[in-house]
Amino acid sequence: GGKGGVRMFATVDSSYATHDDLKSHS
């Protein structure tokens, strides 16, 4: 919640092949 009231929003972030095993992460 918060002073802005109940508003729903979302975020998405991804990284591609940034790890030693070449797996992506989101």
mmCIF file of all heavy atoms, coordinates in Angstrom:
data_MODEL
# 
_entry.id   MODEL 
# 
loop_
_atom_site.group_PDB 
_atom_site.id 
_atom_site.type_symbol 
_atom_site.label_atom_id 
_atom_site.label_alt_id 
_atom_site.label_comp_id 
_atom_site.label_asym_id 
_atom_site.label_entity_id 
_atom_site.label_seq_id 
_atom_site.pdbx_PDB_ins_code 
_atom_site.Cartn_x 
_atom_site.Cartn_y 
_atom_site.Cartn_z 
_atom_site.occupancy 
_atom_site.B_iso_or_equiv 
_atom_site.pdbx_formal_charge 
_atom_site.auth_seq_id 
_atom_site.auth_comp_id 
_atom_site.auth_asym_id 
_atom_site.auth_atom_id 
_atom_site.pdbx_PDB_model_num 
ATOM 1   N N   . GLY A 1 1  ? 0.832  -1.196  0.000   1.00 0.00 ? 1  GLY A N   1 
ATOM 2   C CA  . GLY A 1 1  ? 0.000  0.000   0.000   1.00 0.00 ? 1  GLY A CA  1 
ATOM 3   C C   . GLY A 1 1  ? 0.865  1.244   0.000   1.00 0.00 ? 1  GLY A C   1 
ATOM 4   O O   . GLY A 1 1  ? 1.957  1.263   -0.556  1.00 0.00 ? 1  GLY A O   1 
ATOM 5   N N   . GLY A 1 2  ? 0.384  2.303   0.627   1.00 0.00 ? 2  GLY A N   1 
ATOM 6   C CA  . GLY A 1 2  ? 1.123  3.559   0.708   1.00 0.00 ? 2  GLY A CA  1 
ATOM 7   C C   . GLY A 1 2  ? 0.211  4.740   0.456   1.00 0.00 ? 2  GLY A C   1 
ATOM 8   O O   . GLY A 1 2  ? -0.977 4.585   0.158   1.00 0.00 ? 2  GLY A O   1 
ATOM 9   N N   . LYS A 1 3  ? 0.760  5.938   0.578   1.00 0.00 ? 3  LYS A N   1 
ATOM 10  C CA  . LYS A 1 3  ? -0.035 7.161   0.430   1.00 0.00 ? 3  LYS A CA  1 
ATOM 11  C C   . LYS A 1 3  ? -0.655 7.284   -0.952  1.00 0.00 ? 3  LYS A C   1 
ATOM 12  O O   . LYS A 1 3  ? -1.672 7.937   -1.112  1.00 0.00 ? 3  LYS A O   1 
ATOM 13  C CB  . LYS A 1 3  ? 0.818  8.376   0.735   1.00 0.00 ? 3  LYS A CB  1 
ATOM 14  C CG  . LYS A 1 3  ? 1.076  8.554   2.209   1.00 0.00 ? 3  LYS A CG  1 
ATOM 15  C CD  . LYS A 1 3  ? 1.335  10.002  2.523   1.00 0.00 ? 3  LYS A CD  1 
ATOM 16  C CE  . LYS A 1 3  ? 1.519  10.175  4.004   1.00 0.00 ? 3  LYS A CE  1 
ATOM 17  N NZ  . LYS A 1 3  ? 0.340  10.667  4.657   1.00 0.00 ? 3  LYS A NZ  1 
ATOM 18  N N   . GLY A 1 4  ? -0.046 6.690   -1.955  1.00 0.00 ? 4  GLY A N   1 
ATOM 19  C CA  . GLY A 1 4  ? -0.575 6.777   -3.310  1.00 0.00 ? 4  GLY A CA  1 
ATOM 20  C C   . GLY A 1 4  ? -1.822 5.937   -3.530  1.00 0.00 ? 4  GLY A C   1 
ATOM 21  O O   . GLY A 1 4  ? -2.367 5.916   -4.623  1.00 0.00 ? 4  GLY A O   1 
ATOM 22  N N   . GLY A 1 5  ? -2.266 5.239   -2.507  1.00 0.00 ? 5  GLY A N   1 
ATOM 23  C CA  . GLY A 1 5  ? -3.440 4.392   -2.659  1.00 0.00 ? 5  GLY A CA  1 
ATOM 24  C C   . GLY A 1 5  ? -3.065 3.039   -3.232  1.00 0.00 ? 5  GLY A C   1 
ATOM 25  O O   . GLY A 1 5  ? -1.893 2.717   -3.418  1.00 0.00 ? 5  GLY A O   1 
ATOM 26  N N   . VAL A 1 6  ? -4.054 2.250   -3.508  1.00 0.00 ? 6  VAL A N   1 
ATOM 27  C CA  . VAL A 1 6  ? -3.807 0.915   -4.016  1.00 0.00 ? 6  VAL A CA  1 
ATOM 28  C C   . VAL A 1 6  ? -3.789 0.975   -5.538  1.00 0.00 ? 6  VAL A C   1 
ATOM 29  O O   . VAL A 1 6  ? -4.820 1.066   -6.192  1.00 0.00 ? 6  VAL A O   1 
ATOM 30  C CB  . VAL A 1 6  ? -4.866 -0.075  -3.512  1.00 0.00 ? 6  VAL A CB  1 
ATOM 31  C CG1 . VAL A 1 6  ? -4.627 -1.452  -4.103  1.00 0.00 ? 6  VAL A CG1 1 
ATOM 32  C CG2 . VAL A 1 6  ? -4.843 -0.145  -1.998  1.00 0.00 ? 6  VAL A CG2 1 
ATOM 33  N N   . ARG A 1 7  ? -2.593 0.986   -6.086  1.00 0.00 ? 7  ARG A N   1 
ATOM 34  C CA  . ARG A 1 7  ? -2.392 0.913   -7.535  1.00 0.00 ? 7  ARG A CA  1 
ATOM 35  C C   . ARG A 1 7  ? -1.486 -0.279  -7.770  1.00 0.00 ? 7  ARG A C   1 
ATOM 36  O O   . ARG A 1 7  ? -0.535 -0.498  -7.038  1.00 0.00 ? 7  ARG A O   1 
ATOM 37  C CB  . ARG A 1 7  ? -1.707 2.177   -8.057  1.00 0.00 ? 7  ARG A CB  1 
ATOM 38  C CG  . ARG A 1 7  ? -2.540 3.433   -7.911  1.00 0.00 ? 7  ARG A CG  1 
ATOM 39  C CD  . ARG A 1 7  ? -1.764 4.634   -8.352  1.00 0.00 ? 7  ARG A CD  1 
ATOM 40  N NE  . ARG A 1 7  ? -0.523 4.673   -7.594  1.00 0.00 ? 7  ARG A NE  1 
ATOM 41  C CZ  . ARG A 1 7  ? 0.581  5.303   -7.969  1.00 0.00 ? 7  ARG A CZ  1 
ATOM 42  N NH1 . ARG A 1 7  ? 0.621  5.949   -9.086  1.00 0.00 ? 7  ARG A NH1 1 
ATOM 43  N NH2 . ARG A 1 7  ? 1.656  5.294   -7.222  1.00 0.00 ? 7  ARG A NH2 1 
ATOM 44  N N   . MET A 1 8  ? -1.758 -1.036  -8.770  1.00 0.00 ? 8  MET A N   1 
ATOM 45  C CA  . MET A 1 8  ? -0.958 -2.218  -9.056  1.00 0.00 ? 8  MET A CA  1 
ATOM 46  C C   . MET A 1 8  ? -0.105 -1.955  -10.290 1.00 0.00 ? 8  MET A C   1 
ATOM 47  O O   . MET A 1 8  ? -0.580 -1.449  -11.291 1.00 0.00 ? 8  MET A O   1 
ATOM 48  C CB  . MET A 1 8  ? -1.869 -3.421  -9.311  1.00 0.00 ? 8  MET A CB  1 
ATOM 49  C CG  . MET A 1 8  ? -1.103 -4.720  -9.420  1.00 0.00 ? 8  MET A CG  1 
ATOM 50  S SD  . MET A 1 8  ? -2.167 -6.148  -9.683  1.00 0.00 ? 8  MET A SD  1 
ATOM 51  C CE  . MET A 1 8  ? -3.065 -6.196  -8.160  1.00 0.00 ? 8  MET A CE  1 
ATOM 52  N N   . PHE A 1 9  ? 1.180  -2.249  -10.173 1.00 0.00 ? 9  PHE A N   1 
ATOM 53  C CA  . PHE A 1 9  ? 2.065  -2.178  -11.330 1.00 0.00 ? 9  PHE A CA  1 
ATOM 54  C C   . PHE A 1 9  ? 3.121  -3.260  -11.188 1.00 0.00 ? 9  PHE A C   1 
ATOM 55  O O   . PHE A 1 9  ? 3.319  -3.801  -10.110 1.00 0.00 ? 9  PHE A O   1 
ATOM 56  C CB  . PHE A 1 9  ? 2.693  -0.784  -11.499 1.00 0.00 ? 9  PHE A CB  1 
ATOM 57  C CG  . PHE A 1 9  ? 3.608  -0.372  -10.376 1.00 0.00 ? 9  PHE A CG  1 
ATOM 58  C CD1 . PHE A 1 9  ? 4.981  -0.506  -10.493 1.00 0.00 ? 9  PHE A CD1 1 
ATOM 59  C CD2 . PHE A 1 9  ? 3.092  0.169   -9.208  1.00 0.00 ? 9  PHE A CD2 1 
ATOM 60  C CE1 . PHE A 1 9  ? 5.821  -0.123  -9.470  1.00 0.00 ? 9  PHE A CE1 1 
ATOM 61  C CE2 . PHE A 1 9  ? 3.936  0.557   -8.184  1.00 0.00 ? 9  PHE A CE2 1 
ATOM 62  C CZ  . PHE A 1 9  ? 5.307  0.422   -8.314  1.00 0.00 ? 9  PHE A CZ  1 
ATOM 63  N N   . ALA A 1 10 ? 3.783  -3.570  -12.292 1.00 0.00 ? 10 ALA A N   1 
ATOM 64  C CA  . ALA A 1 10 ? 4.745  -4.666  -12.301 1.00 0.00 ? 10 ALA A CA  1 
ATOM 65  C C   . ALA A 1 10 ? 6.009  -4.245  -13.030 1.00 0.00 ? 10 ALA A C   1 
ATOM 66  O O   . ALA A 1 10 ? 6.007  -3.297  -13.815 1.00 0.00 ? 10 ALA A O   1 
ATOM 67  C CB  . ALA A 1 10 ? 4.143  -5.891  -12.980 1.00 0.00 ? 10 ALA A CB  1 
ATOM 68  N N   . THR A 1 11 ? 7.102  -4.954  -12.744 1.00 0.00 ? 11 THR A N   1 
ATOM 69  C CA  . THR A 1 11 ? 8.369  -4.744  -13.436 1.00 0.00 ? 11 THR A CA  1 
ATOM 70  C C   . THR A 1 11 ? 8.890  -6.091  -13.912 1.00 0.00 ? 11 THR A C   1 
ATOM 71  O O   . THR A 1 11 ? 8.594  -7.125  -13.326 1.00 0.00 ? 11 THR A O   1 
ATOM 72  C CB  . THR A 1 11 ? 9.426  -4.109  -12.509 1.00 0.00 ? 11 THR A CB  1 
ATOM 73  O OG1 . THR A 1 11 ? 9.671  -5.004  -11.409 1.00 0.00 ? 11 THR A OG1 1 
ATOM 74  C CG2 . THR A 1 11 ? 8.963  -2.776  -11.961 1.00 0.00 ? 11 THR A CG2 1 
ATOM 75  N N   . VAL A 1 12 ? 9.676  -6.064  -14.974 1.00 0.00 ? 12 VAL A N   1 
ATOM 76  C CA  . VAL A 1 12 ? 10.311 -7.275  -15.502 1.00 0.00 ? 12 VAL A CA  1 
ATOM 77  C C   . VAL A 1 12 ? 11.738 -6.916  -15.870 1.00 0.00 ? 12 VAL A C   1 
ATOM 78  O O   . VAL A 1 12 ? 11.997 -5.855  -16.425 1.00 0.00 ? 12 VAL A O   1 
ATOM 79  C CB  . VAL A 1 12 ? 9.572  -7.804  -16.759 1.00 0.00 ? 12 VAL A CB  1 
ATOM 80  C CG1 . VAL A 1 12 ? 10.271 -9.022  -17.328 1.00 0.00 ? 12 VAL A CG1 1 
ATOM 81  C CG2 . VAL A 1 12 ? 8.132  -8.114  -16.437 1.00 0.00 ? 12 VAL A CG2 1 
ATOM 82  N N   . ASP A 1 13 ? 12.675 -7.796  -15.551 1.00 0.00 ? 13 ASP A N   1 
ATOM 83  C CA  . ASP A 1 13 ? 14.068 -7.578  -15.904 1.00 0.00 ? 13 ASP A CA  1 
ATOM 84  C C   . ASP A 1 13 ? 14.667 -8.920  -16.312 1.00 0.00 ? 13 ASP A C   1 
ATOM 85  O O   . ASP A 1 13 ? 14.352 -9.947  -15.734 1.00 0.00 ? 13 ASP A O   1 
ATOM 86  C CB  . ASP A 1 13 ? 14.836 -7.001  -14.714 1.00 0.00 ? 13 ASP A CB  1 
ATOM 87  C CG  . ASP A 1 13 ? 16.245 -6.578  -15.081 1.00 0.00 ? 13 ASP A CG  1 
ATOM 88  O OD1 . ASP A 1 13 ? 16.522 -6.398  -16.279 1.00 0.00 ? 13 ASP A OD1 1 
ATOM 89  O OD2 . ASP A 1 13 ? 17.074 -6.426  -14.173 1.00 0.00 ? 13 ASP A OD2 1 
ATOM 90  N N   . SER A 1 14 ? 15.515 -8.899  -17.314 1.00 0.00 ? 14 SER A N   1 
ATOM 91  C CA  . SER A 1 14 ? 16.148 -10.133 -17.790 1.00 0.00 ? 14 SER A CA  1 
ATOM 92  C C   . SER A 1 14 ? 17.622 -9.889  -18.066 1.00 0.00 ? 14 SER A C   1 
ATOM 93  O O   . SER A 1 14 ? 18.025 -8.797  -18.424 1.00 0.00 ? 14 SER A O   1 
ATOM 94  C CB  . SER A 1 14 ? 15.491 -10.618 -19.087 1.00 0.00 ? 14 SER A CB  1 
ATOM 95  O OG  . SER A 1 14 ? 14.156 -10.948 -18.855 1.00 0.00 ? 14 SER A OG  1 
ATOM 96  N N   . SER A 1 15 ? 18.411 -10.913 -17.893 1.00 0.00 ? 15 SER A N   1 
ATOM 97  C CA  . SER A 1 15 ? 19.804 -10.886 -18.316 1.00 0.00 ? 15 SER A CA  1 
ATOM 98  C C   . SER A 1 15 ? 20.032 -12.146 -19.143 1.00 0.00 ? 15 SER A C   1 
ATOM 99  O O   . SER A 1 15 ? 19.498 -13.200 -18.838 1.00 0.00 ? 15 SER A O   1 
ATOM 100 C CB  . SER A 1 15 ? 20.747 -10.859 -17.111 1.00 0.00 ? 15 SER A CB  1 
ATOM 101 O OG  . SER A 1 15 ? 20.610 -12.037 -16.359 1.00 0.00 ? 15 SER A OG  1 
ATOM 102 N N   . TYR A 1 16 ? 20.815 -12.036 -20.185 1.00 0.00 ? 16 TYR A N   1 
ATOM 103 C CA  . TYR A 1 16 ? 20.991 -13.155 -21.098 1.00 0.00 ? 16 TYR A CA  1 
ATOM 104 C C   . TYR A 1 16 ? 22.425 -13.669 -21.066 1.00 0.00 ? 16 TYR A C   1 
ATOM 105 O O   . TYR A 1 16 ? 23.363 -12.921 -21.338 1.00 0.00 ? 16 TYR A O   1 
ATOM 106 C CB  . TYR A 1 16 ? 20.601 -12.742 -22.527 1.00 0.00 ? 16 TYR A CB  1 
ATOM 107 C CG  . TYR A 1 16 ? 19.152 -12.397 -22.614 1.00 0.00 ? 16 TYR A CG  1 
ATOM 108 C CD1 . TYR A 1 16 ? 18.736 -11.079 -22.562 1.00 0.00 ? 16 TYR A CD1 1 
ATOM 109 C CD2 . TYR A 1 16 ? 18.180 -13.394 -22.678 1.00 0.00 ? 16 TYR A CD2 1 
ATOM 110 C CE1 . TYR A 1 16 ? 17.387 -10.762 -22.602 1.00 0.00 ? 16 TYR A CE1 1 
ATOM 111 C CE2 . TYR A 1 16 ? 16.834 -13.083 -22.715 1.00 0.00 ? 16 TYR A CE2 1 
ATOM 112 C CZ  . TYR A 1 16 ? 16.447 -11.762 -22.685 1.00 0.00 ? 16 TYR A CZ  1 
ATOM 113 O OH  . TYR A 1 16 ? 15.114 -11.455 -22.709 1.00 0.00 ? 16 TYR A OH  1 
ATOM 114 N N   . ALA A 1 17 ? 22.584 -14.918 -20.712 1.00 0.00 ? 17 ALA A N   1 
ATOM 115 C CA  . ALA A 1 17 ? 23.875 -15.623 -20.725 1.00 0.00 ? 17 ALA A CA  1 
ATOM 116 C C   . ALA A 1 17 ? 24.946 -14.856 -19.973 1.00 0.00 ? 17 ALA A C   1 
ATOM 117 O O   . ALA A 1 17 ? 26.083 -14.782 -20.409 1.00 0.00 ? 17 ALA A O   1 
ATOM 118 C CB  . ALA A 1 17 ? 24.302 -15.894 -22.170 1.00 0.00 ? 17 ALA A CB  1 
ATOM 119 N N   . THR A 1 18 ? 24.598 -14.309 -18.816 1.00 0.00 ? 18 THR A N   1 
ATOM 120 C CA  . THR A 1 18 ? 25.566 -13.540 -18.042 1.00 0.00 ? 18 THR A CA  1 
ATOM 121 C C   . THR A 1 18 ? 26.301 -14.371 -16.998 1.00 0.00 ? 18 THR A C   1 
ATOM 122 O O   . THR A 1 18 ? 27.158 -13.861 -16.306 1.00 0.00 ? 18 THR A O   1 
ATOM 123 C CB  . THR A 1 18 ? 24.873 -12.369 -17.325 1.00 0.00 ? 18 THR A CB  1 
ATOM 124 O OG1 . THR A 1 18 ? 23.852 -12.898 -16.478 1.00 0.00 ? 18 THR A OG1 1 
ATOM 125 C CG2 . THR A 1 18 ? 24.295 -11.381 -18.312 1.00 0.00 ? 18 THR A CG2 1 
ATOM 126 N N   . HIS A 1 19 ? 25.992 -15.640 -16.900 1.00 0.00 ? 19 HIS A N   1 
ATOM 127 C CA  . HIS A 1 19 ? 26.587 -16.485 -15.881 1.00 0.00 ? 19 HIS A CA  1 
ATOM 128 C C   . HIS A 1 19 ? 27.519 -17.519 -16.526 1.00 0.00 ? 19 HIS A C   1 
ATOM 129 O O   . HIS A 1 19 ? 27.445 -17.781 -17.722 1.00 0.00 ? 19 HIS A O   1 
ATOM 130 C CB  . HIS A 1 19 ? 25.495 -17.174 -15.070 1.00 0.00 ? 19 HIS A CB  1 
ATOM 131 C CG  . HIS A 1 19 ? 24.515 -16.190 -14.511 1.00 0.00 ? 19 HIS A CG  1 
ATOM 132 N ND1 . HIS A 1 19 ? 24.831 -15.343 -13.481 1.00 0.00 ? 19 HIS A ND1 1 
ATOM 133 C CD2 . HIS A 1 19 ? 23.249 -15.881 -14.874 1.00 0.00 ? 19 HIS A CD2 1 
ATOM 134 C CE1 . HIS A 1 19 ? 23.811 -14.567 -13.229 1.00 0.00 ? 19 HIS A CE1 1 
ATOM 135 N NE2 . HIS A 1 19 ? 22.833 -14.874 -14.058 1.00 0.00 ? 19 HIS A NE2 1 
ATOM 136 N N   . ASP A 1 20 ? 28.374 -18.079 -15.710 1.00 0.00 ? 20 ASP A N   1 
ATOM 137 C CA  . ASP A 1 20 ? 29.367 -19.041 -16.214 1.00 0.00 ? 20 ASP A CA  1 
ATOM 138 C C   . ASP A 1 20 ? 28.730 -20.205 -16.959 1.00 0.00 ? 20 ASP A C   1 
ATOM 139 O O   . ASP A 1 20 ? 29.319 -20.736 -17.893 1.00 0.00 ? 20 ASP A O   1 
ATOM 140 C CB  . ASP A 1 20 ? 30.221 -19.577 -15.063 1.00 0.00 ? 20 ASP A CB  1 
ATOM 141 C CG  . ASP A 1 20 ? 31.082 -18.489 -14.432 1.00 0.00 ? 20 ASP A CG  1 
ATOM 142 O OD1 . ASP A 1 20 ? 31.326 -17.461 -15.107 1.00 0.00 ? 20 ASP A OD1 1 
ATOM 143 O OD2 . ASP A 1 20 ? 31.502 -18.671 -13.281 1.00 0.00 ? 20 ASP A OD2 1 
ATOM 144 N N   . ASP A 1 21 ? 27.534 -20.622 -16.555 1.00 0.00 ? 21 ASP A N   1 
ATOM 145 C CA  . ASP A 1 21 ? 26.889 -21.751 -17.223 1.00 0.00 ? 21 ASP A CA  1 
ATOM 146 C C   . ASP A 1 21 ? 26.077 -21.320 -18.446 1.00 0.00 ? 21 ASP A C   1 
ATOM 147 O O   . ASP A 1 21 ? 25.358 -22.109 -19.032 1.00 0.00 ? 21 ASP A O   1 
ATOM 148 C CB  . ASP A 1 21 ? 26.001 -22.525 -16.247 1.00 0.00 ? 21 ASP A CB  1 
ATOM 149 C CG  . ASP A 1 21 ? 24.892 -21.669 -15.654 1.00 0.00 ? 21 ASP A CG  1 
ATOM 150 O OD1 . ASP A 1 21 ? 24.763 -20.483 -16.021 1.00 0.00 ? 21 ASP A OD1 1 
ATOM 151 O OD2 . ASP A 1 21 ? 24.131 -22.200 -14.826 1.00 0.00 ? 21 ASP A OD2 1 
ATOM 152 N N   . LEU A 1 22 ? 26.185 -20.041 -18.828 1.00 0.00 ? 22 LEU A N   1 
ATOM 153 C CA  . LEU A 1 22 ? 25.504 -19.456 -19.998 1.00 0.00 ? 22 LEU A CA  1 
ATOM 154 C C   . LEU A 1 22 ? 23.988 -19.582 -19.915 1.00 0.00 ? 22 LEU A C   1 
ATOM 155 O O   . LEU A 1 22 ? 23.309 -19.690 -20.918 1.00 0.00 ? 22 LEU A O   1 
ATOM 156 C CB  . LEU A 1 22 ? 26.032 -20.042 -21.300 1.00 0.00 ? 22 LEU A CB  1 
ATOM 157 C CG  . LEU A 1 22 ? 27.495 -19.748 -21.589 1.00 0.00 ? 22 LEU A CG  1 
ATOM 158 C CD1 . LEU A 1 22 ? 27.915 -20.391 -22.887 1.00 0.00 ? 22 LEU A CD1 1 
ATOM 159 C CD2 . LEU A 1 22 ? 27.749 -18.251 -21.637 1.00 0.00 ? 22 LEU A CD2 1 
ATOM 160 N N   . LYS A 1 23 ? 23.459 -19.548 -18.697 1.00 0.00 ? 23 LYS A N   1 
ATOM 161 C CA  . LYS A 1 23 ? 22.009 -19.565 -18.502 1.00 0.00 ? 23 LYS A CA  1 
ATOM 162 C C   . LYS A 1 23 ? 21.522 -18.127 -18.353 1.00 0.00 ? 23 LYS A C   1 
ATOM 163 O O   . LYS A 1 23 ? 22.193 -17.281 -17.790 1.00 0.00 ? 23 LYS A O   1 
ATOM 164 C CB  . LYS A 1 23 ? 21.632 -20.355 -17.249 1.00 0.00 ? 23 LYS A CB  1 
ATOM 165 C CG  . LYS A 1 23 ? 22.104 -21.790 -17.253 1.00 0.00 ? 23 LYS A CG  1 
ATOM 166 C CD  . LYS A 1 23 ? 21.308 -22.623 -18.207 1.00 0.00 ? 23 LYS A CD  1 
ATOM 167 C CE  . LYS A 1 23 ? 21.760 -24.068 -18.114 1.00 0.00 ? 23 LYS A CE  1 
ATOM 168 N NZ  . LYS A 1 23 ? 21.110 -24.927 -19.026 1.00 0.00 ? 23 LYS A NZ  1 
ATOM 169 N N   . SER A 1 24 ? 20.343 -17.867 -18.860 1.00 0.00 ? 24 SER A N   1 
ATOM 170 C CA  . SER A 1 24 ? 19.732 -16.556 -18.705 1.00 0.00 ? 24 SER A CA  1 
ATOM 171 C C   . SER A 1 24 ? 18.989 -16.502 -17.379 1.00 0.00 ? 24 SER A C   1 
ATOM 172 O O   . SER A 1 24 ? 18.672 -17.529 -16.783 1.00 0.00 ? 24 SER A O   1 
ATOM 173 C CB  . SER A 1 24 ? 18.760 -16.287 -19.845 1.00 0.00 ? 24 SER A CB  1 
ATOM 174 O OG  . SER A 1 24 ? 19.450 -16.233 -21.059 1.00 0.00 ? 24 SER A OG  1 
ATOM 175 N N   . HIS A 1 25 ? 18.707 -15.311 -16.944 1.00 0.00 ? 25 HIS A N   1 
ATOM 176 C CA  . HIS A 1 25 ? 18.046 -15.119 -15.669 1.00 0.00 ? 25 HIS A CA  1 
ATOM 177 C C   . HIS A 1 25 ? 17.016 -14.010 -15.835 1.00 0.00 ? 25 HIS A C   1 
ATOM 178 O O   . HIS A 1 25 ? 17.321 -12.966 -16.399 1.00 0.00 ? 25 HIS A O   1 
ATOM 179 C CB  . HIS A 1 25 ? 19.082 -14.723 -14.618 1.00 0.00 ? 25 HIS A CB  1 
ATOM 180 C CG  . HIS A 1 25 ? 18.580 -14.831 -13.225 1.00 0.00 ? 25 HIS A CG  1 
ATOM 181 N ND1 . HIS A 1 25 ? 18.642 -15.992 -12.519 1.00 0.00 ? 25 HIS A ND1 1 
ATOM 182 C CD2 . HIS A 1 25 ? 17.987 -13.934 -12.414 1.00 0.00 ? 25 HIS A CD2 1 
ATOM 183 C CE1 . HIS A 1 25 ? 18.130 -15.799 -11.314 1.00 0.00 ? 25 HIS A CE1 1 
ATOM 184 N NE2 . HIS A 1 25 ? 17.726 -14.555 -11.234 1.00 0.00 ? 25 HIS A NE2 1 
ATOM 185 N N   . SER A 1 26 ? 15.803 -14.226 -15.389 1.00 0.00 ? 26 SER A N   1 
ATOM 186 C CA  . SER A 1 26 ? 14.789 -13.183 -15.470 1.00 0.00 ? 26 SER A CA  1 
ATOM 187 C C   . SER A 1 26 ? 14.092 -13.060 -14.123 1.00 0.00 ? 26 SER A C   1 
ATOM 188 O O   . SER A 1 26 ? 14.074 -13.994 -13.334 1.00 0.00 ? 26 SER A O   1 
ATOM 189 C CB  . SER A 1 26 ? 13.780 -13.477 -16.574 1.00 0.00 ? 26 SER A CB  1 
ATOM 190 O OG  . SER A 1 26 ? 13.097 -14.675 -16.301 1.00 0.00 ? 26 SER A OG  1 
# 
